[in-house]
């Protein structure tokens, strides 16, 4: 039975609905002006008698659609409407043939096949087909709509994953080349410091390679990574930058990998800190992750930059419903990131 229903693309719930409708319709037809309402008004024989009509209607629509369009017929097309009327014609002919056969067997052809009776019975049959066939047709359209939505959702998920992967592929070389430039300068200026820098950098890059394939990582891991990365900044700039991390979070949260590193790198790129006037950076974790830094822009900007921050905005657009908030005030630059407990989209 389940295979038969699956072949017809109907569910037991749909059949129950049509039988219930037939039952209520039979009660409605019995409750008319001048008629007595009693226990017989609510007997279910009319609804049970409607079951063969419903099944025949469904079978005809289903197989006429397959015959005209193939197994995967279009959801909404003029051909689908034409198929519906073809199935109705087949229902009309088949129901009359069945009636004629039964009348022949029971010898009631002369009584049943009278013009007035044929008109009334066939009009009722057409109405039944339109009603139950309409239910089934609407149900099929709904099923097709759900399938279409699932395909779209799968496509959008695959597209989002592909975009995130592309963004991370851009980010890793960006991280590598920036720090190799720092290492190159340290080798010339302070070879001993360059050796320590290289050791710290190799550990950080190992983390970057391991985590870059993940959509999200635990926030605590990212905070530790950011602290280690900030040590690289101190290797080159000394006390020109100060970092303070305030963690008020109570739950285990997630974050795209290397997010905090990108934001720290963005601060250093756009601000010139000195031992006398350091750039102060604060990462505060509460209901969101708020990263603020004092503004001390270079007199002559190196170049526009900002690829890391733009990529980060795109990643959050793909992973979360809440976007990143970026605000530039008179003396502060603020980036507010929503906390993630899972992928929201």
Foldseek 3Di string as FASTA:
>chain_A
DVVVCVLLPHDPVLLVVQLVVQQVVQLVVQPDPPHDDDPVSNDSPRSVVCSVLLVLLSVLLQVLQCVQANNDHDLDDVVSVVSLVVSLVVQLVVVVVVVCVVCVVVVCCVPCPDPVNNVVVSVVSSVSSCVSVVSSSVVVSVVVVVVVVVVVVVVLLVVLLVLLLVLLVVVLVVVVVVLVVLLVVCCVVPVVLSVVLVVLVVVLSVVSVVQSSDLKDWVVVQVVSLVSLVVNVCSRAPQQEEEEEAEPDDDTWIDGHCLSVLVVVVCVLFATGHNVRHWYWYWYHDQWTKIKIWHHGDPDRPDDDPSSVVSRQSSCVSFHPDTWDWDDDPTMTMIIGGTHRGRPD
